């Protein structure tokens, strides 16, 4: 049973996480070259791991570090 009192928080989260994310992405595409935007989109996975570590308290495991290193290496190679 979902508490009715949490519906405004759920709607606020949906607005912030989805609408602003998509809106910012398309605004970046309008202003920046597609090659720059596509390279920086790969880094969102690394930022999300760091955000989860500091905000939610998720531990950063060894496979996170290896995956982040591979993402950074691939971005640098591109």
PDB file of N, CA and C in Angstrom:
ATOM      1  N   UNK A   1       0.852  -1.165   0.000  1.00  0.00           N
ATOM      2  CA  UNK A   1       0.000   0.000   0.000  1.00  0.00           C
ATOM      3  C   UNK A   1       0.901   1.234   0.000  1.00  0.00           C
ATOM      4  N   UNK A   2       0.776   2.067  -1.014  1.00  0.00           N
ATOM      5  CA  UNK A   2       1.593   3.275  -1.127  1.00  0.00           C
ATOM      6  C   UNK A   2       0.933   4.414  -0.352  1.00  0.00           C
ATOM      7  N   UNK A   3       1.667   5.064   0.548  1.00  0.00           N
ATOM      8  CA  UNK A   3       1.073   6.169   1.316  1.00  0.00           C
ATOM      9  C   UNK A   3       0.756   7.363   0.413  1.00  0.00           C
ATOM     10  N   UNK A   4      -0.413   7.895   0.569  1.00  0.00           N
ATOM     11  CA  UNK A   4      -0.848   9.030  -0.254  1.00  0.00           C
ATOM     12  C   UNK A   4      -0.003  10.263   0.026  1.00  0.00           C
ATOM     13  N   UNK A   5       0.532  10.390   1.210  1.00  0.00           N
ATOM     14  CA  UNK A   5       1.348  11.554   1.569  1.00  0.00           C
ATOM     15  C   UNK A   5       2.637  11.622   0.760  1.00  0.00           C
ATOM     16  N   UNK A   6       3.080  10.501   0.188  1.00  0.00           N
ATOM     17  CA  UNK A   6       4.322  10.496  -0.583  1.00  0.00           C
ATOM     18  C   UNK A   6       4.120  10.792  -2.064  1.00  0.00           C
ATOM     19  N   UNK A   7       2.895  10.981  -2.492  1.00  0.00           N
ATOM     20  CA  UNK A   7       2.641  11.265  -3.917  1.00  0.00           C
ATOM     21  C   UNK A   7       3.299  12.569  -4.362  1.00  0.00           C
ATOM     22  N   UNK A   8       3.247  13.676  -3.608  1.00  0.00           N
ATOM     23  CA  UNK A   8       3.969  14.886  -4.049  1.00  0.00           C
ATOM     24  C   UNK A   8       5.472  14.661  -4.169  1.00  0.00           C
ATOM     25  N   UNK A   9       6.045  13.888  -3.255  1.00  0.00           N
ATOM     26  CA  UNK A   9       7.479  13.598  -3.353  1.00  0.00           C
ATOM     27  C   UNK A   9       7.772  12.763  -4.592  1.00  0.00           C
ATOM     28  N   UNK A  10       6.919  11.808  -4.903  1.00  0.00           N
ATOM     29  CA  UNK A  10       7.098  10.988  -6.090  1.00  0.00           C
ATOM     30  C   UNK A  10       6.993  11.820  -7.361  1.00  0.00           C
ATOM     31  N   UNK A  11       6.021  12.717  -7.412  1.00  0.00           N
ATOM     32  CA  UNK A  11       5.875  13.595  -8.579  1.00  0.00           C
ATOM     33  C   UNK A  11       7.053  14.558  -8.697  1.00  0.00           C
ATOM     34  N   UNK A  12       7.527  15.077  -7.567  1.00  0.00           N
ATOM     35  CA  UNK A  12       8.697  15.954  -7.591  1.00  0.00           C
ATOM     36  C   UNK A  12       9.934  15.219  -8.077  1.00  0.00           C
ATOM     37  N   UNK A  13      10.113  13.990  -7.633  1.00  0.00           N
ATOM     38  CA  UNK A  13      11.241  13.195  -8.079  1.00  0.00           C
ATOM     39  C   UNK A  13      11.140  12.916  -9.578  1.00  0.00           C
ATOM     40  N   UNK A  14       9.940  12.589 -10.033  1.00  0.00           N
ATOM     41  CA  UNK A  14       9.746  12.319 -11.459  1.00  0.00           C
ATOM     42  C   UNK A  14      10.062  13.564 -12.283  1.00  0.00           C
ATOM     43  N   UNK A  15       9.649  14.725 -11.815  1.00  0.00           N
ATOM     44  CA  UNK A  15       9.917  15.960 -12.544  1.00  0.00           C
ATOM     45  C   UNK A  15      11.409  16.243 -12.598  1.00  0.00           C
ATOM     46  N   UNK A  16      12.064  16.155 -11.450  1.00  0.00           N
ATOM     47  CA  UNK A  16      13.483  16.497 -11.399  1.00  0.00           C
ATOM     48  C   UNK A  16      14.327  15.481 -12.154  1.00  0.00           C
ATOM     49  N   UNK A  17      14.075  14.204 -11.916  1.00  0.00           N
ATOM     50  CA  UNK A  17      14.959  13.201 -12.486  1.00  0.00           C
ATOM     51  C   UNK A  17      14.726  12.976 -13.973  1.00  0.00           C
ATOM     52  N   UNK A  18      13.515  13.023 -14.428  1.00  0.00           N
ATOM     53  CA  UNK A  18      13.261  12.700 -15.824  1.00  0.00           C
ATOM     54  C   UNK A  18      13.159  13.953 -16.701  1.00  0.00           C
ATOM     55  N   UNK A  19      12.268  14.868 -16.357  1.00  0.00           N
ATOM     56  CA  UNK A  19      12.043  16.016 -17.215  1.00  0.00           C
ATOM     57  C   UNK A  19      13.279  16.882 -17.343  1.00  0.00           C
ATOM     58  N   UNK A  20      13.879  17.241 -16.229  1.00  0.00           N
ATOM     59  CA  UNK A  20      15.054  18.105 -16.293  1.00  0.00           C
ATOM     60  C   UNK A  20      16.236  17.414 -16.959  1.00  0.00           C
ATOM     61  N   UNK A  21      16.350  16.111 -16.781  1.00  0.00           N
ATOM     62  CA  UNK A  21      17.419  15.363 -17.422  1.00  0.00           C
ATOM     63  C   UNK A  21      17.263  15.380 -18.941  1.00  0.00           C
ATOM     64  N   UNK A  22      16.085  15.061 -19.419  1.00  0.00           N
ATOM     65  CA  UNK A  22      15.846  15.035 -20.870  1.00  0.00           C
ATOM     66  C   UNK A  22      15.923  16.443 -21.444  1.00  0.00           C
ATOM     67  N   UNK A  23      15.360  17.405 -20.742  1.00  0.00           N
ATOM     68  CA  UNK A  23      15.399  18.784 -21.211  1.00  0.00           C
ATOM     69  C   UNK A  23      16.830  19.296 -21.317  1.00  0.00           C
ATOM     70  N   UNK A  24      17.637  19.009 -20.300  1.00  0.00           N
ATOM     71  CA  UNK A  24      19.039  19.446 -20.319  1.00  0.00           C
ATOM     72  C   UNK A  24      19.818  18.755 -21.429  1.00  0.00           C
ATOM     73  N   UNK A  25      19.518  17.481 -21.677  1.00  0.00           N
ATOM     74  CA  UNK A  25      20.204  16.746 -22.731  1.00  0.00           C
ATOM     75  C   UNK A  25      19.928  17.374 -24.099  1.00  0.00           C
ATOM     76  N   UNK A  26      18.670  17.675 -24.383  1.00  0.00           N
ATOM     77  CA  UNK A  26      18.349  18.246 -25.689  1.00  0.00           C
ATOM     78  C   UNK A  26      18.829  19.691 -25.831  1.00  0.00           C
ATOM     79  N   UNK A  27      18.869  20.411 -24.732  1.00  0.00           N
ATOM     80  CA  UNK A  27      19.443  21.757 -24.782  1.00  0.00           C
ATOM     81  C   UNK A  27      20.942  21.691 -25.052  1.00  0.00           C
ATOM     82  N   UNK A  28      21.609  20.706 -24.471  1.00  0.00           N
ATOM     83  CA  UNK A  28      23.036  20.533 -24.732  1.00  0.00           C
ATOM     84  C   UNK A  28      23.271  20.164 -26.192  1.00  0.00           C
ATOM     85  N   UNK A  29      22.391  19.347 -26.760  1.00  0.00           N
ATOM     86  CA  UNK A  29      22.522  19.000 -28.172  1.00  0.00           C
ATOM     87  C   UNK A  29      22.345  20.208 -29.071  1.00  0.00           C
ATOM     88  N   UNK A  30      21.493  21.146 -28.661  1.00  0.00           N
ATOM     89  CA  UNK A  30      21.305  22.362 -29.452  1.00  0.00           C
ATOM     90  C   UNK A  30      22.529  23.265 -29.423  1.00  0.00           C
ATOM     91  N   UNK A  31      23.245  23.267 -28.320  1.00  0.00           N
ATOM     92  CA  UNK A  31      24.337  24.230 -28.144  1.00  0.00           C
ATOM     93  C   UNK A  31      25.739  23.657 -28.377  1.00  0.00           C
ATOM     94  N   UNK A  32      25.903  22.359 -28.216  1.00  0.00           N
ATOM     95  CA  UNK A  32      27.222  21.742 -28.323  1.00  0.00           C
ATOM     96  C   UNK A  32      27.255  20.781 -29.510  1.00  0.00           C
ATOM     97  N   UNK A  33      28.453  20.483 -29.994  1.00  0.00           N
ATOM     98  CA  UNK A  33      28.549  19.472 -31.054  1.00  0.00           C
ATOM     99  C   UNK A  33      28.135  18.087 -30.521  1.00  0.00           C
ATOM    100  N   UNK A  34      27.553  17.298 -31.391  1.00  0.00           N
ATOM    101  CA  UNK A  34      27.078  15.974 -30.991  1.00  0.00           C
ATOM    102  C   UNK A  34      28.228  15.106 -30.488  1.00  0.00           C
ATOM    103  N   UNK A  35      29.406  15.274 -31.064  1.00  0.00           N
ATOM    104  CA  UNK A  35      30.546  14.462 -30.620  1.00  0.00           C
ATOM    105  C   UNK A  35      30.906  14.745 -29.162  1.00  0.00           C
ATOM    106  N   UNK A  36      30.829  15.993 -28.750  1.00  0.00           N
ATOM    107  CA  UNK A  36      31.126  16.330 -27.347  1.00  0.00           C
ATOM    108  C   UNK A  36      30.066  15.770 -26.411  1.00  0.00           C
ATOM    109  N   UNK A  37      28.822  15.895 -26.809  1.00  0.00           N
ATOM    110  CA  UNK A  37      27.735  15.405 -25.956  1.00  0.00           C
ATOM    111  C   UNK A  37      27.799  13.890 -25.827  1.00  0.00           C
ATOM    112  N   UNK A  38      28.073  13.190 -26.915  1.00  0.00           N
ATOM    113  CA  UNK A  38      28.118  11.730 -26.854  1.00  0.00           C
ATOM    114  C   UNK A  38      29.288  11.242 -26.008  1.00  0.00           C
ATOM    115  N   UNK A  39      30.399  11.954 -26.018  1.00  0.00           N
ATOM    116  CA  UNK A  39      31.527  11.569 -25.168  1.00  0.00           C
ATOM    117  C   UNK A  39      31.207  11.784 -23.691  1.00  0.00           C
ATOM    118  N   UNK A  40      30.544  12.877 -23.379  1.00  0.00           N
ATOM    119  CA  UNK A  40      30.253  13.187 -21.979  1.00  0.00           C
ATOM    120  C   UNK A  40      29.111  12.348 -21.431  1.00  0.00           C
ATOM    121  N   UNK A  41      28.246  11.817 -22.285  1.00  0.00           N
ATOM    122  CA  UNK A  41      27.150  10.959 -21.808  1.00  0.00           C
ATOM    123  C   UNK A  41      27.681   9.689 -21.170  1.00  0.00           C
ATOM    124  N   UNK A  42      28.824   9.214 -21.617  1.00  0.00           N
ATOM    125  CA  UNK A  42      29.403   8.016 -21.015  1.00  0.00           C
ATOM    126  C   UNK A  42      29.808   8.249 -19.564  1.00  0.00           C
ATOM    127  N   UNK A  43      30.114   9.463 -19.221  1.00  0.00           N
ATOM    128  CA  UNK A  43      30.581   9.768 -17.870  1.00  0.00           C
ATOM    129  C   UNK A  43      29.447   9.816 -16.850  1.00  0.00           C
ATOM    130  N   UNK A  44      28.193   9.793 -17.307  1.00  0.00           N
ATOM    131  CA  UNK A  44      27.072   9.839 -16.360  1.00  0.00           C
ATOM    132  C   UNK A  44      27.037   8.593 -15.476  1.00  0.00           C
ATOM    133  N   UNK A  45      27.522   7.464 -15.986  1.00  0.00           N
ATOM    134  CA  UNK A  45      27.562   6.248 -15.164  1.00  0.00           C
ATOM    135  C   UNK A  45      28.517   6.422 -13.992  1.00  0.00           C
ATOM    136  N   UNK A  46      29.648   7.049 -14.239  1.00  0.00           N
ATOM    137  CA  UNK A  46      30.630   7.272 -13.178  1.00  0.00           C
ATOM    138  C   UNK A  46      30.089   8.273 -12.164  1.00  0.00           C
ATOM    139  N   UNK A  47      29.463   9.320 -12.642  1.00  0.00           N
ATOM    140  CA  UNK A  47      28.893  10.334 -11.744  1.00  0.00           C
ATOM    141  C   UNK A  47      27.779   9.729 -10.900  1.00  0.00           C
ATOM    142  N   UNK A  48      26.985   8.833 -11.477  1.00  0.00           N
ATOM    143  CA  UNK A  48      25.903   8.222 -10.710  1.00  0.00           C
ATOM    144  C   UNK A  48      26.443   7.314  -9.600  1.00  0.00           C
ATOM    145  N   UNK A  49      27.557   6.631  -9.854  1.00  0.00           N
ATOM    146  CA  UNK A  49      28.163   5.796  -8.812  1.00  0.00           C
ATOM    147  C   UNK A  49      28.683   6.677  -7.670  1.00  0.00           C
ATOM    148  N   UNK A  50      29.331   7.772  -8.017  1.00  0.00           N
ATOM    149  CA  UNK A  50      29.852   8.689  -6.990  1.00  0.00           C
ATOM    150  C   UNK A  50      28.704   9.329  -6.208  1.00  0.00           C
ATOM    151  N   UNK A  51      27.639   9.713  -6.916  1.00  0.00           N
ATOM    152  CA  UNK A  51      26.476  10.304  -6.254  1.00  0.00           C
ATOM    153  C   UNK A  51      25.838   9.302  -5.290  1.00  0.00           C
ATOM    154  N   UNK A  52      25.700   8.046  -5.723  1.00  0.00           N
ATOM    155  CA  UNK A  52      25.111   7.024  -4.856  1.00  0.00           C
ATOM    156  C   UNK A  52      25.988   6.770  -3.638  1.00  0.00           C
ATOM    157  N   UNK A  53      27.287   6.882  -3.801  1.00  0.00           N
ATOM    158  CA  UNK A  53      28.184   6.667  -2.664  1.00  0.00           C
ATOM    159  C   UNK A  53      28.014   7.759  -1.609  1.00  0.00           C
ATOM    160  N   UNK A  54      27.986   9.005  -2.038  1.00  0.00           N
ATOM    161  CA  UNK A  54      27.916  10.108  -1.075  1.00  0.00           C
ATOM    162  C   UNK A  54      26.503  10.384  -0.583  1.00  0.00           C
ATOM    163  N   UNK A  55      25.506  10.228  -1.436  1.00  0.00           N
ATOM    164  CA  UNK A  55      24.147  10.599  -1.048  1.00  0.00           C
ATOM    165  C   UNK A  55      23.405   9.441  -0.388  1.00  0.00           C
ATOM    166  N   UNK A  56      23.540   8.250  -0.931  1.00  0.00           N
ATOM    167  CA  UNK A  56      22.792   7.107  -0.425  1.00  0.00           C
ATOM    168  C   UNK A  56      23.633   6.248   0.506  1.00  0.00           C
ATOM    169  N   UNK A  57      24.954   6.354   0.393  1.00  0.00           N
ATOM    170  CA  UNK A  57      25.833   5.569   1.240  1.00  0.00           C
ATOM    171  C   UNK A  57      26.186   4.210   0.666  1.00  0.00           C
ATOM    172  N   UNK A  58      26.009   4.027  -0.628  1.00  0.00           N
ATOM    173  CA  UNK A  58      26.377   2.766  -1.269  1.00  0.00           C
ATOM    174  C   UNK A  58      27.893   2.623  -1.287  1.00  0.00           C
ATOM    175  N   UNK A  59      28.386   1.440  -1.003  1.00  0.00           N
ATOM    176  CA  UNK A  59      29.845   1.240  -1.043  1.00  0.00           C
ATOM    177  C   UNK A  59      30.339   1.159  -2.489  1.00  0.00           C
ATOM    178  N   UNK A  60      31.528   1.661  -2.707  1.00  0.00           N
ATOM    179  CA  UNK A  60      32.166   1.543  -4.019  1.00  0.00           C
ATOM    180  C   UNK A  60      33.053   0.308  -3.982  1.00  0.00           C
ATOM    181  N   UNK A  61      32.690  -0.682  -4.782  1.00  0.00           N
ATOM    182  CA  UNK A  61      33.404  -1.954  -4.822  1.00  0.00           C
ATOM    183  C   UNK A  61      34.498  -1.908  -5.884  1.00  0.00           C
ATOM    184  N   UNK A  62      35.293  -2.946  -5.914  1.00  0.00           N
ATOM    185  CA  UNK A  62      36.377  -3.033  -6.884  1.00  0.00           C
ATOM    186  C   UNK A  62      35.891  -3.059  -8.316  1.00  0.00           C
ATOM    187  N   UNK A  63      34.773  -3.750  -8.561  1.00  0.00           N
ATOM    188  CA  UNK A  63      34.256  -3.804  -9.929  1.00  0.00           C
ATOM    189  C   UNK A  63      33.720  -2.456 -10.394  1.00  0.00           C
ATOM    190  N   UNK A  64      33.296  -1.605  -9.456  1.00  0.00           N
ATOM    191  CA  UNK A  64      32.906  -0.244  -9.820  1.00  0.00           C
ATOM    192  C   UNK A  64      34.126   0.526 -10.328  1.00  0.00           C
ATOM    193  N   UNK A  65      35.236   0.365  -9.611  1.00  0.00           N
ATOM    194  CA  UNK A  65      36.463   1.057 -10.010  1.00  0.00           C
ATOM    195  C   UNK A  65      36.972   0.565 -11.359  1.00  0.00           C
ATOM    196  N   UNK A  66      36.908  -0.759 -11.575  1.00  0.00           N
ATOM    197  CA  UNK A  66      37.345  -1.306 -12.857  1.00  0.00           C
ATOM    198  C   UNK A  66      36.429  -0.819 -13.981  1.00  0.00           C
ATOM    199  N   UNK A  67      35.126  -0.861 -13.753  1.00  0.00           N
ATOM    200  CA  UNK A  67      34.180  -0.389 -14.761  1.00  0.00           C
ATOM    201  C   UNK A  67      34.348   1.089 -15.053  1.00  0.00           C
ATOM    202  N   UNK A  68      34.525   1.889 -14.000  1.00  0.00           N
ATOM    203  CA  UNK A  68      34.758   3.320 -14.203  1.00  0.00           C
ATOM    204  C   UNK A  68      36.038   3.585 -14.964  1.00  0.00           C
ATOM    205  N   UNK A  69      37.070   2.816 -14.667  1.00  0.00           N
ATOM    206  CA  UNK A  69      38.337   2.955 -15.397  1.00  0.00           C
ATOM    207  C   UNK A  69      38.185   2.602 -16.868  1.00  0.00           C
ATOM    208  N   UNK A  70      37.421   1.543 -17.139  1.00  0.00           N
ATOM    209  CA  UNK A  70      37.185   1.164 -18.536  1.00  0.00           C
ATOM    210  C   UNK A  70      36.366   2.222 -19.281  1.00  0.00           C
ATOM    211  N   UNK A  71      35.393   2.798 -18.597  1.00  0.00           N
ATOM    212  CA  UNK A  71      34.601   3.869 -19.221  1.00  0.00           C
ATOM    213  C   UNK A  71      35.474   5.073 -19.507  1.00  0.00           C
ATOM    214  N   UNK A  72      36.309   5.474 -18.528  1.00  0.00           N
ATOM    215  CA  UNK A  72      37.204   6.598 -18.748  1.00  0.00           C
ATOM    216  C   UNK A  72      38.216   6.302 -19.855  1.00  0.00           C
ATOM    217  N   UNK A  73      38.740   5.080 -19.862  1.00  0.00           N
ATOM    218  CA  UNK A  73      39.698   4.700 -20.904  1.00  0.00           C
ATOM    219  C   UNK A  73      39.072   4.735 -22.290  1.00  0.00           C
ATOM    220  N   UNK A  74      37.844   4.226 -22.395  1.00  0.00           N
ATOM    221  CA  UNK A  74      37.146   4.265 -23.685  1.00  0.00           C
ATOM    222  C   UNK A  74      36.842   5.679 -24.131  1.00  0.00           C
ATOM    223  N   UNK A  75      36.484   6.538 -23.189  1.00  0.00           N
ATOM    224  CA  UNK A  75      36.198   7.937 -23.531  1.00  0.00           C
ATOM    225  C   UNK A  75      37.465   8.639 -23.990  1.00  0.00           C
ATOM    226  N   UNK A  76      38.574   8.375 -23.316  1.00  0.00           N
ATOM    227  CA  UNK A  76      39.847   8.992 -23.712  1.00  0.00           C
ATOM    228  C   UNK A  76      40.290   8.491 -25.078  1.00  0.00           C
ATOM    229  N   UNK A  77      40.101   7.189 -25.333  1.00  0.00           N
ATOM    230  CA  UNK A  77      40.486   6.647 -26.640  1.00  0.00           C
ATOM    231  C   UNK A  77      39.651   7.230 -27.789  1.00  0.00           C
ATOM    232  N   UNK A  78      38.381   7.499 -27.501  1.00  0.00           N
ATOM    233  CA  UNK A  78      37.534   8.090 -28.544  1.00  0.00           C
ATOM    234  C   UNK A  78      37.960   9.509 -28.830  1.00  0.00           C
TER     235      UNK A  78
END
